Structures are given as C-alpha cells and as structure tokens.
Amino acid sequence: MQLPDMLTASCMFLKRLLGEGEMRESDIAGRIRKSDIFSQLVNAKALVREKRGRGSVWRVIKPDVVQKYRNHHCPDFTPDGTKGERYNLVHATRDSKSSARRSFRLMFARSNVPFSLNGEKIDTKEPVGRSLDIIEASKLCFVENLENFMLDTRLVDAGYTLLYPIGRLGTPLFERIRADHIMHFGDLDYTGLNEFARVKAFFPDAALFVPENYFTQALKSGKVITRKQAASDALLRLCEEDAGVRRVYDFLQQHNLFLEQEGYDG
C-alpha cells in the first residue's frame, strides 16, 4: 500500500521542519504552501516567515505544535498484508478513500461454451460466481435481471456467455471485458436504454437484445412507466445512429409502456 502523494509530501515537509528548524521558502513546494496543514501552522503561529538575504525562510516557533501535526497526519503504521486496503488506509491516513485501491467487482457468469474467467478456463454449464478481474468470451451478454440470467435458454443456446454483474454498468466493469461480440439484455425502459447507451459508448459494435414479438407483447402485458425517467443525452445521440434503439425509444414515447424482462418469451 502506498500513501497518497500529497500526504507523503506533507509528512516529509513536517519532518524536515522539525529536523532543521526552518526552511527556505523556495524549498517549499507550492502545493504544500497552499495546503491546509501549512495554513493551519501559520495561523497557529507555529511557523513565521522571516526575510533572509534576498529571500525568505519559514522558521519553527512552536516545535511542539508542529510535532502534534506530524503525529496526527503521519502515524507510524506498518501496513498489514492480512487486512484489506481500506483497513490499512484508515490506520495510515484516517481515510479509507484517501488513495486509489484495488476494487472488487462481484459477478455471476454462465454459458454452454467454454470461457475464461480471471485466467482460468471455465467449462461448465453451471453459474459461476467470482470477483471479476478479466472475463474472456467469444460472445458475451450483459443481463440486467437475475431471474433471466438463471433461466434463459435462448441466448446461451446461441453461444453467449451471460454476465450478471453486481452493481451498475460502467467503465470500471467494461475494462475487464474481452469479447468479440457484446449484447445487452435488459428492461427496455428509459433506464435500460440509458444503460445500453453507456455500453454502446464503450463497445461501439454492441447490440441491444429486443425479442421479435416484443412490441406486441408490450402492448398486451406492458407496464406503465409511473416513476420519473428521462432519456440521457447519450441515448438521444444513439437514437440518431441506431434504428433499432430508435424504434424502442419511439415506442416508449408513444405508449409509455415497457415489457419487463421477466415477461419475455423464450
């Protein structure tokens, strides 16, 4: 675990102040002089600025105050390899989010064909749940609903590896995907289409799954959209380029209905 650069610089600054008793102003980085620690030390009159020749120095007047700041902001802590990254950051910096850390992305996958998950070849038709690093498949489909992920036969029979991620779709997930063909299988309301627009922005050749009889079934068994939803700017741009997405969007605009994923035939 590495401390954030700014924290490391501040600790080095405080250590040098205590060791030398003063520092030339030209030796103090601009970001340190603009930091909260520096301004607090000045306001506490623990540091004073004095002219020295053609320049200036910052001299320690209250070393006990500077030492207290160093003790608080630069604890003597050795990272524990048996603990998580957030644990170590809390004890080293008092902030679990003070530095970039390894992210855990949980997901489930299933397929009728072999695929690779975190470097391991998976050759089973049973769902596999893991923390995702990298998944590689010939054809991969994001599935929004767990029931559809567990029960779908149409897409798995077509050779797709179904991926049910825990959490929202976005770049941190997309960067872990390696596939020749991408499909998105979700609710065809504004929220689902906005999500597909995010997929499409990262994977330009991605396709949206729309059952052949979708519009007929949606008129018969569709759900009225009662909560506030709206098309994102990305979706509106996509509608200008993709006739299939535009057809679904126009249906929403005209009927305010969508067929929930669980109601799809097949």
C-alpha atoms as a PDB file:
ATOM      1  CA  MET A   1       0.000   0.000   0.000  1.00  0.00           C
ATOM      2  CA  GLN A   2       1.319   3.443  -0.904  1.00  0.00           C
ATOM      3  CA  LEU A   3       0.313   6.639   0.853  1.00  0.00           C
ATOM      4  CA  PRO A   4      -1.216   9.368  -1.331  1.00  0.00           C
ATOM      5  CA  ASP A   5       1.436  11.630  -2.857  1.00  0.00           C
ATOM      6  CA  MET A   6       0.168  14.744  -1.076  1.00  0.00           C
ATOM      7  CA  LEU A   7       0.241  13.052   2.318  1.00  0.00           C
ATOM      8  CA  THR A   8       3.770  11.762   1.700  1.00  0.00           C
ATOM      9  CA  ALA A   9       4.941  15.253   0.683  1.00  0.00           C
ATOM     10  CA  SER A  10       3.336  16.832   3.773  1.00  0.00           C
ATOM     11  CA  CYS A  11       4.976  14.302   6.086  1.00  0.00           C
ATOM     12  CA  MET A  12       8.385  14.927   4.520  1.00  0.00           C
ATOM     13  CA  PHE A  13       7.824  18.679   4.917  1.00  0.00           C
ATOM     14  CA  LEU A  14       6.949  18.344   8.625  1.00  0.00           C
ATOM     15  CA  LYS A  15       9.899  16.020   9.257  1.00  0.00           C
ATOM     16  CA  ARG A  16      12.332  18.472   7.669  1.00  0.00           C
ATOM     17  CA  LEU A  17      10.886  21.422   9.590  1.00  0.00           C
ATOM     18  CA  LEU A  18      11.387  19.610  12.886  1.00  0.00           C
ATOM     19  CA  GLY A  19      14.859  18.448  11.941  1.00  0.00           C
ATOM     20  CA  GLU A  20      16.201  21.774  10.642  1.00  0.00           C
ATOM     21  CA  GLY A  21      14.017  24.280  12.474  1.00  0.00           C
ATOM     22  CA  GLU A  22      13.421  26.291   9.318  1.00  0.00           C
ATOM     23  CA  MET A  23      13.115  26.037   5.540  1.00  0.00           C
ATOM     24  CA  ARG A  24      13.779  28.470   2.733  1.00  0.00           C
ATOM     25  CA  GLU A  25      10.526  29.493   1.098  1.00  0.00           C
ATOM     26  CA  SER A  26      11.916  28.490  -2.307  1.00  0.00           C
ATOM     27  CA  ASP A  27      12.395  24.931  -0.982  1.00  0.00           C
ATOM     28  CA  ILE A  28       8.718  24.551  -0.069  1.00  0.00           C
ATOM     29  CA  ALA A  29       6.577  23.238  -2.914  1.00  0.00           C
ATOM     30  CA  GLY A  30       3.680  25.418  -3.987  1.00  0.00           C
ATOM     31  CA  ARG A  31       1.121  22.718  -3.243  1.00  0.00           C
ATOM     32  CA  ILE A  32       2.473  22.480   0.330  1.00  0.00           C
ATOM     33  CA  ARG A  33       2.178  26.252   0.845  1.00  0.00           C
ATOM     34  CA  LYS A  34      -1.426  26.043  -0.373  1.00  0.00           C
ATOM     35  CA  SER A  35      -2.254  23.053   1.841  1.00  0.00           C
ATOM     36  CA  ASP A  36      -4.491  23.091   4.917  1.00  0.00           C
ATOM     37  CA  ILE A  37      -1.627  21.860   7.111  1.00  0.00           C
ATOM     38  CA  PHE A  38       0.610  24.773   6.144  1.00  0.00           C
ATOM     39  CA  SER A  39      -2.097  27.411   6.624  1.00  0.00           C
ATOM     40  CA  GLN A  40      -3.089  25.930   9.997  1.00  0.00           C
ATOM     41  CA  LEU A  41       0.513  26.021  11.221  1.00  0.00           C
ATOM     42  CA  VAL A  42       0.821  29.647  10.130  1.00  0.00           C
ATOM     43  CA  ASN A  43      -2.494  30.623  11.765  1.00  0.00           C
ATOM     44  CA  ALA A  44      -1.369  28.896  14.967  1.00  0.00           C
ATOM     45  CA  LYS A  45       1.844  30.985  14.772  1.00  0.00           C
ATOM     46  CA  ALA A  46       3.853  27.769  14.884  1.00  0.00           C
ATOM     47  CA  LEU A  47       5.590  28.978  11.701  1.00  0.00           C
ATOM     48  CA  VAL A  48       6.651  32.529  10.943  1.00  0.00           C
ATOM     49  CA  ARG A  49       8.048  33.995   7.752  1.00  0.00           C
ATOM     50  CA  GLU A  50      11.280  35.969   8.019  1.00  0.00           C
ATOM     51  CA  LYS A  51      13.372  37.817   5.457  1.00  0.00           C
ATOM     52  CA  ARG A  52      16.771  36.226   4.891  1.00  0.00           C
ATOM     53  CA  GLY A  53      19.074  37.884   2.370  1.00  0.00           C
ATOM     54  CA  ARG A  54      17.282  38.139  -0.962  1.00  0.00           C
ATOM     55  CA  GLY A  55      14.702  35.573   0.014  1.00  0.00           C
ATOM     56  CA  SER A  56      12.627  34.398   2.941  1.00  0.00           C
ATOM     57  CA  VAL A  57      12.576  31.481   5.349  1.00  0.00           C
ATOM     58  CA  TRP A  58       9.819  29.863   7.346  1.00  0.00           C
ATOM     59  CA  ARG A  59      11.052  29.304  10.912  1.00  0.00           C
ATOM     60  CA  VAL A  60       9.560  26.965  13.512  1.00  0.00           C
ATOM     61  CA  ILE A  61       8.450  28.949  16.585  1.00  0.00           C
ATOM     62  CA  LYS A  62       6.369  26.255  18.275  1.00  0.00           C
ATOM     63  CA  PRO A  63       8.002  22.868  17.617  1.00  0.00           C
ATOM     64  CA  ASP A  64       5.532  21.108  19.928  1.00  0.00           C
ATOM     65  CA  VAL A  65       2.643  22.217  17.686  1.00  0.00           C
ATOM     66  CA  VAL A  66       4.454  21.063  14.536  1.00  0.00           C
ATOM     67  CA  GLN A  67       5.168  17.731  16.250  1.00  0.00           C
ATOM     68  CA  LYS A  68       1.475  17.309  17.100  1.00  0.00           C
ATOM     69  CA  TYR A  69       0.548  17.878  13.449  1.00  0.00           C
ATOM     70  CA  ARG A  70       3.136  15.315  12.401  1.00  0.00           C
ATOM     71  CA  ASN A  71       1.878  12.767  14.942  1.00  0.00           C
ATOM     72  CA  HIS A  72      -1.690  13.243  13.736  1.00  0.00           C
ATOM     73  CA  HIS A  73      -1.150  13.278   9.984  1.00  0.00           C
ATOM     74  CA  CYS A  74       1.805  10.892   9.761  1.00  0.00           C
ATOM     75  CA  PRO A  75       1.095   7.975  12.098  1.00  0.00           C
ATOM     76  CA  ASP A  76       3.782   5.337  12.471  1.00  0.00           C
ATOM     77  CA  PHE A  77       1.835   2.495  10.869  1.00  0.00           C
ATOM     78  CA  THR A  78       3.072  -0.600   9.063  1.00  0.00           C
ATOM     79  CA  PRO A  79       0.520  -1.987   6.566  1.00  0.00           C
ATOM     80  CA  ASP A  80      -0.961  -5.367   7.485  1.00  0.00           C
ATOM     81  CA  GLY A  81      -0.969  -7.698   4.485  1.00  0.00           C
ATOM     82  CA  THR A  82      -3.704  -9.844   6.042  1.00  0.00           C
ATOM     83  CA  LYS A  83      -6.120  -6.903   6.095  1.00  0.00           C
ATOM     84  CA  GLY A  84      -7.963  -5.154   3.302  1.00  0.00           C
ATOM     85  CA  GLU A  85      -6.803  -1.991   1.564  1.00  0.00           C
ATOM     86  CA  ARG A  86      -9.410   0.142   3.324  1.00  0.00           C
ATOM     87  CA  TYR A  87      -8.309  -1.110   6.746  1.00  0.00           C
ATOM     88  CA  ASN A  88      -4.721  -0.070   6.053  1.00  0.00           C
ATOM     89  CA  LEU A  89      -5.761   3.333   4.689  1.00  0.00           C
ATOM     90  CA  VAL A  90      -7.905   4.035   7.754  1.00  0.00           C
ATOM     91  CA  HIS A  91      -4.984   3.343  10.088  1.00  0.00           C
ATOM     92  CA  ALA A  92      -2.378   5.077   7.925  1.00  0.00           C
ATOM     93  CA  THR A  93      -4.376   8.135   6.819  1.00  0.00           C
ATOM     94  CA  ARG A  94      -7.660   8.033   8.793  1.00  0.00           C
ATOM     95  CA  ASP A  95      -9.497   7.909   5.463  1.00  0.00           C
ATOM     96  CA  SER A  96     -10.427   4.674   3.698  1.00  0.00           C
ATOM     97  CA  LYS A  97     -10.855   6.555   0.397  1.00  0.00           C
ATOM     98  CA  SER A  98      -7.679   8.640   0.511  1.00  0.00           C
ATOM     99  CA  SER A  99      -5.928   6.659  -2.206  1.00  0.00           C
ATOM    100  CA  ALA A 100      -6.686   4.532  -5.228  1.00  0.00           C
ATOM    101  CA  ARG A 101      -7.154   0.928  -4.169  1.00  0.00           C
ATOM    102  CA  ARG A 102      -7.984  -2.428  -5.640  1.00  0.00           C
ATOM    103  CA  SER A 103     -11.684  -2.650  -6.454  1.00  0.00           C
ATOM    104  CA  PHE A 104     -13.689  -5.825  -6.068  1.00  0.00           C
ATOM    105  CA  ARG A 105     -16.332  -6.415  -8.728  1.00  0.00           C
ATOM    106  CA  LEU A 106     -18.583  -9.373  -7.986  1.00  0.00           C
ATOM    107  CA  MET A 107     -20.421 -11.114 -10.803  1.00  0.00           C
ATOM    108  CA  PHE A 108     -22.028 -14.334 -11.957  1.00  0.00           C
ATOM    109  CA  ALA A 109     -21.476 -15.951 -15.347  1.00  0.00           C
ATOM    110  CA  ARG A 110     -22.933 -18.963 -17.142  1.00  0.00           C
ATOM    111  CA  SER A 111     -22.572 -20.407 -20.610  1.00  0.00           C
ATOM    112  CA  ASN A 112     -22.923 -23.544 -22.721  1.00  0.00           C
ATOM    113  CA  VAL A 113     -19.487 -22.931 -24.220  1.00  0.00           C
ATOM    114  CA  PRO A 114     -16.077 -22.555 -22.533  1.00  0.00           C
ATOM    115  CA  PHE A 115     -14.918 -19.101 -21.496  1.00  0.00           C
ATOM    116  CA  SER A 116     -12.049 -17.693 -19.437  1.00  0.00           C
ATOM    117  CA  LEU A 117     -12.516 -16.063 -16.045  1.00  0.00           C
ATOM    118  CA  ASN A 118      -9.554 -14.429 -14.310  1.00  0.00           C
ATOM    119  CA  GLY A 119      -7.221 -16.531 -16.438  1.00  0.00           C
ATOM    120  CA  GLU A 120      -8.983 -19.809 -15.634  1.00  0.00           C
ATOM    121  CA  LYS A 121     -10.819 -21.801 -18.325  1.00  0.00           C
ATOM    122  CA  ILE A 122     -14.429 -22.383 -17.288  1.00  0.00           C
ATOM    123  CA  ASP A 123     -16.107 -25.370 -18.948  1.00  0.00           C
ATOM    124  CA  THR A 124     -19.307 -25.941 -17.007  1.00  0.00           C
ATOM    125  CA  LYS A 125     -22.926 -25.023 -17.675  1.00  0.00           C
ATOM    126  CA  GLU A 126     -23.491 -24.167 -14.007  1.00  0.00           C
ATOM    127  CA  PRO A 127     -23.431 -20.490 -12.919  1.00  0.00           C
ATOM    128  CA  VAL A 128     -20.069 -19.349 -11.600  1.00  0.00           C
ATOM    129  CA  GLY A 129     -19.762 -16.514  -9.076  1.00  0.00           C
ATOM    130  CA  ARG A 130     -16.456 -14.699  -8.646  1.00  0.00           C
ATOM    131  CA  SER A 131     -14.724 -11.411  -8.005  1.00  0.00           C
ATOM    132  CA  LEU A 132     -14.057 -10.302 -11.565  1.00  0.00           C
ATOM    133  CA  ASP A 133     -10.625  -9.343 -12.856  1.00  0.00           C
ATOM    134  CA  ILE A 134     -10.910 -10.307 -16.531  1.00  0.00           C
ATOM    135  CA  ILE A 135     -13.518 -12.312 -18.418  1.00  0.00           C
ATOM    136  CA  GLU A 136     -12.870 -13.511 -21.979  1.00  0.00           C
ATOM    137  CA  ALA A 137     -15.552 -14.966 -24.224  1.00  0.00           C
ATOM    138  CA  SER A 138     -16.371 -15.135 -27.908  1.00  0.00           C
ATOM    139  CA  LYS A 139     -19.859 -13.703 -27.327  1.00  0.00           C
ATOM    140  CA  LEU A 140     -20.880 -12.020 -24.081  1.00  0.00           C
ATOM    141  CA  CYS A 141     -24.232 -10.665 -22.951  1.00  0.00           C
ATOM    142  CA  PHE A 142     -24.877  -8.353 -20.000  1.00  0.00           C
ATOM    143  CA  VAL A 143     -28.080  -9.436 -18.224  1.00  0.00           C
ATOM    144  CA  GLU A 144     -29.878  -6.943 -16.005  1.00  0.00           C
ATOM    145  CA  ASN A 145     -32.211  -9.302 -14.135  1.00  0.00           C
ATOM    146  CA  LEU A 146     -31.104 -12.302 -12.045  1.00  0.00           C
ATOM    147  CA  GLU A 147     -34.112 -14.454 -12.949  1.00  0.00           C
ATOM    148  CA  ASN A 148     -33.420 -14.054 -16.657  1.00  0.00           C
ATOM    149  CA  PHE A 149     -29.751 -14.799 -16.063  1.00  0.00           C
ATOM    150  CA  MET A 150     -30.631 -18.066 -14.321  1.00  0.00           C
ATOM    151  CA  LEU A 151     -33.409 -19.251 -16.648  1.00  0.00           C
ATOM    152  CA  ASP A 152     -32.505 -18.011 -20.135  1.00  0.00           C
ATOM    153  CA  THR A 153     -32.042 -20.716 -22.748  1.00  0.00           C
ATOM    154  CA  ARG A 154     -32.258 -18.736 -25.982  1.00  0.00           C
ATOM    155  CA  LEU A 155     -29.047 -16.745 -25.597  1.00  0.00           C
ATOM    156  CA  VAL A 156     -26.953 -19.476 -24.007  1.00  0.00           C
ATOM    157  CA  ASP A 157     -28.037 -21.861 -26.772  1.00  0.00           C
ATOM    158  CA  ALA A 158     -26.817 -19.231 -29.237  1.00  0.00           C
ATOM    159  CA  GLY A 159     -23.351 -19.447 -27.681  1.00  0.00           C
ATOM    160  CA  TYR A 160     -23.449 -16.378 -25.450  1.00  0.00           C
ATOM    161  CA  THR A 161     -21.756 -16.196 -22.078  1.00  0.00           C
ATOM    162  CA  LEU A 162     -24.216 -14.426 -19.793  1.00  0.00           C
ATOM    163  CA  LEU A 163     -22.775 -11.946 -17.300  1.00  0.00           C
ATOM    164  CA  TYR A 164     -24.788 -10.743 -14.330  1.00  0.00           C
ATOM    165  CA  PRO A 165     -22.712  -8.053 -12.575  1.00  0.00           C
ATOM    166  CA  ILE A 166     -23.408  -6.845  -9.050  1.00  0.00           C
ATOM    167  CA  GLY A 167     -23.730  -3.078  -9.377  1.00  0.00           C
ATOM    168  CA  ARG A 168     -24.071  -0.632 -12.235  1.00  0.00           C
ATOM    169  CA  LEU A 169     -22.556  -0.935 -15.667  1.00  0.00           C
ATOM    170  CA  GLY A 170     -19.695   1.447 -16.394  1.00  0.00           C
ATOM    171  CA  THR A 171     -16.072   1.818 -17.450  1.00  0.00           C
ATOM    172  CA  PRO A 172     -14.550   0.032 -14.400  1.00  0.00           C
ATOM    173  CA  LEU A 173     -16.506  -3.080 -15.428  1.00  0.00           C
ATOM    174  CA  PHE A 174     -16.140  -2.666 -19.195  1.00  0.00           C
ATOM    175  CA  GLU A 175     -12.354  -2.531 -18.916  1.00  0.00           C
ATOM    176  CA  ARG A 176     -12.429  -6.102 -17.607  1.00  0.00           C
ATOM    177  CA  ILE A 177     -14.310  -7.479 -20.608  1.00  0.00           C
ATOM    178  CA  ARG A 178     -12.668  -9.221 -23.569  1.00  0.00           C
ATOM    179  CA  ALA A 179     -15.195 -10.379 -26.170  1.00  0.00           C
ATOM    180  CA  ASP A 180     -15.682 -10.371 -29.940  1.00  0.00           C
ATOM    181  CA  HIS A 181     -19.431  -9.721 -29.687  1.00  0.00           C
ATOM    182  CA  ILE A 182     -21.299  -7.816 -26.951  1.00  0.00           C
ATOM    183  CA  MET A 183     -25.046  -7.798 -26.325  1.00  0.00           C
ATOM    184  CA  HIS A 184     -27.147  -6.062 -23.667  1.00  0.00           C
ATOM    185  CA  PHE A 185     -30.224  -7.831 -22.302  1.00  0.00           C
ATOM    186  CA  GLY A 186     -32.232  -5.533 -20.038  1.00  0.00           C
ATOM    187  CA  ASP A 187     -35.522  -3.775 -19.451  1.00  0.00           C
ATOM    188  CA  LEU A 188     -36.472  -1.631 -22.434  1.00  0.00           C
ATOM    189  CA  ASP A 189     -37.489   1.422 -20.440  1.00  0.00           C
ATOM    190  CA  TYR A 190     -35.548   4.692 -20.344  1.00  0.00           C
ATOM    191  CA  THR A 191     -33.291   3.420 -17.565  1.00  0.00           C
ATOM    192  CA  GLY A 192     -32.422   0.274 -19.514  1.00  0.00           C
ATOM    193  CA  LEU A 193     -31.838   2.190 -22.737  1.00  0.00           C
ATOM    194  CA  ASN A 194     -29.638   4.729 -20.932  1.00  0.00           C
ATOM    195  CA  GLU A 195     -27.605   1.823 -19.617  1.00  0.00           C
ATOM    196  CA  PHE A 196     -27.259   0.386 -23.111  1.00  0.00           C
ATOM    197  CA  ALA A 197     -26.059   3.795 -24.322  1.00  0.00           C
ATOM    198  CA  ARG A 198     -23.201   3.502 -21.814  1.00  0.00           C
ATOM    199  CA  VAL A 199     -22.408   0.022 -23.120  1.00  0.00           C
ATOM    200  CA  LYS A 200     -22.515   1.258 -26.709  1.00  0.00           C
ATOM    201  CA  ALA A 201     -20.180   4.171 -25.953  1.00  0.00           C
ATOM    202  CA  PHE A 202     -17.501   1.746 -24.757  1.00  0.00           C
ATOM    203  CA  PHE A 203     -18.291  -1.103 -27.175  1.00  0.00           C
ATOM    204  CA  PRO A 204     -19.353   0.576 -30.457  1.00  0.00           C
ATOM    205  CA  ASP A 205     -20.447  -2.713 -32.052  1.00  0.00           C
ATOM    206  CA  ALA A 206     -22.606  -3.812 -29.100  1.00  0.00           C
ATOM    207  CA  ALA A 207     -26.180  -4.894 -29.836  1.00  0.00           C
ATOM    208  CA  LEU A 208     -29.416  -4.468 -27.890  1.00  0.00           C
ATOM    209  CA  PHE A 209     -31.500  -7.612 -27.351  1.00  0.00           C
ATOM    210  CA  VAL A 210     -35.109  -6.999 -28.441  1.00  0.00           C
ATOM    211  CA  PRO A 211     -37.351 -10.104 -28.801  1.00  0.00           C
ATOM    212  CA  GLU A 212     -39.089 -10.429 -32.173  1.00  0.00           C
ATOM    213  CA  ASN A 213     -42.570 -10.129 -30.653  1.00  0.00           C
ATOM    214  CA  TYR A 214     -41.585  -7.540 -28.095  1.00  0.00           C
ATOM    215  CA  PHE A 215     -43.840  -4.662 -29.185  1.00  0.00           C
ATOM    216  CA  THR A 216     -46.935  -6.857 -29.489  1.00  0.00           C
ATOM    217  CA  GLN A 217     -46.304  -8.354 -26.068  1.00  0.00           C
ATOM    218  CA  ALA A 218     -45.559  -4.954 -24.533  1.00  0.00           C
ATOM    219  CA  LEU A 219     -48.926  -3.603 -25.719  1.00  0.00           C
ATOM    220  CA  LYS A 220     -50.606  -6.653 -24.192  1.00  0.00           C
ATOM    221  CA  SER A 221     -48.684  -7.072 -20.917  1.00  0.00           C
ATOM    222  CA  GLY A 222     -46.519  -3.989 -20.646  1.00  0.00           C
ATOM    223  CA  LYS A 223     -46.033  -1.948 -17.512  1.00  0.00           C
ATOM    224  CA  VAL A 224     -46.855   1.761 -17.396  1.00  0.00           C
ATOM    225  CA  ILE A 225     -43.878   3.917 -16.516  1.00  0.00           C
ATOM    226  CA  THR A 226     -45.071   5.886 -13.495  1.00  0.00           C
ATOM    227  CA  ARG A 227     -41.805   6.980 -11.884  1.00  0.00           C
ATOM    228  CA  LYS A 228     -39.831   9.817 -13.399  1.00  0.00           C
ATOM    229  CA  GLN A 229     -37.494   8.632 -16.139  1.00  0.00           C
ATOM    230  CA  ALA A 230     -35.804  10.512 -18.937  1.00  0.00           C
ATOM    231  CA  ALA A 231     -33.539   9.794 -21.865  1.00  0.00           C
ATOM    232  CA  SER A 232     -29.888  10.680 -21.360  1.00  0.00           C
ATOM    233  CA  ASP A 233     -28.036  12.825 -23.886  1.00  0.00           C
ATOM    234  CA  ALA A 234     -26.045   9.714 -24.851  1.00  0.00           C
ATOM    235  CA  LEU A 235     -29.270   7.842 -25.595  1.00  0.00           C
ATOM    236  CA  LEU A 236     -30.678  10.673 -27.711  1.00  0.00           C
ATOM    237  CA  ARG A 237     -27.472  10.710 -29.763  1.00  0.00           C
ATOM    238  CA  LEU A 238     -27.637   6.940 -30.124  1.00  0.00           C
ATOM    239  CA  CYS A 239     -31.217   7.144 -31.422  1.00  0.00           C
ATOM    240  CA  GLU A 240     -29.934   9.206 -34.337  1.00  0.00           C
ATOM    241  CA  GLU A 241     -27.482   6.460 -35.287  1.00  0.00           C
ATOM    242  CA  ASP A 242     -29.250   3.194 -34.385  1.00  0.00           C
ATOM    243  CA  ALA A 243     -32.642   2.481 -35.957  1.00  0.00           C
ATOM    244  CA  GLY A 244     -33.350  -0.428 -33.579  1.00  0.00           C
ATOM    245  CA  VAL A 245     -32.818   1.687 -30.486  1.00  0.00           C
ATOM    246  CA  ARG A 246     -34.836   4.491 -32.075  1.00  0.00           C
ATOM    247  CA  ARG A 247     -37.765   2.128 -32.588  1.00  0.00           C
ATOM    248  CA  VAL A 248     -37.791   1.165 -28.900  1.00  0.00           C
ATOM    249  CA  TYR A 249     -37.449   4.815 -27.861  1.00  0.00           C
ATOM    250  CA  ASP A 250     -40.329   5.886 -30.133  1.00  0.00           C
ATOM    251  CA  PHE A 251     -42.495   3.104 -28.664  1.00  0.00           C
ATOM    252  CA  LEU A 252     -41.791   4.445 -25.177  1.00  0.00           C
ATOM    253  CA  GLN A 253     -42.631   7.967 -26.266  1.00  0.00           C
ATOM    254  CA  GLN A 254     -45.900   6.891 -27.862  1.00  0.00           C
ATOM    255  CA  HIS A 255     -47.210   4.330 -25.350  1.00  0.00           C
ATOM    256  CA  ASN A 256     -45.278   4.903 -22.094  1.00  0.00           C
ATOM    257  CA  LEU A 257     -45.156   1.110 -21.718  1.00  0.00           C
ATOM    258  CA  PHE A 258     -42.371  -1.431 -21.426  1.00  0.00           C
ATOM    259  CA  LEU A 259     -42.377  -5.188 -21.002  1.00  0.00           C
ATOM    260  CA  GLU A 260     -40.317  -6.241 -18.025  1.00  0.00           C
ATOM    261  CA  GLN A 261     -37.530  -8.710 -18.716  1.00  0.00           C
ATOM    262  CA  GLU A 262     -39.272 -11.471 -16.801  1.00  0.00           C
ATOM    263  CA  GLY A 263     -42.141 -11.257 -19.299  1.00  0.00           C
ATOM    264  CA  TYR A 264     -40.053 -12.005 -22.384  1.00  0.00           C
ATOM    265  CA  ASP A 265     -40.952 -15.200 -24.223  1.00  0.00           C
ATOM    266  CA  GLY A 266     -38.263 -17.842 -24.606  1.00  0.00           C
END
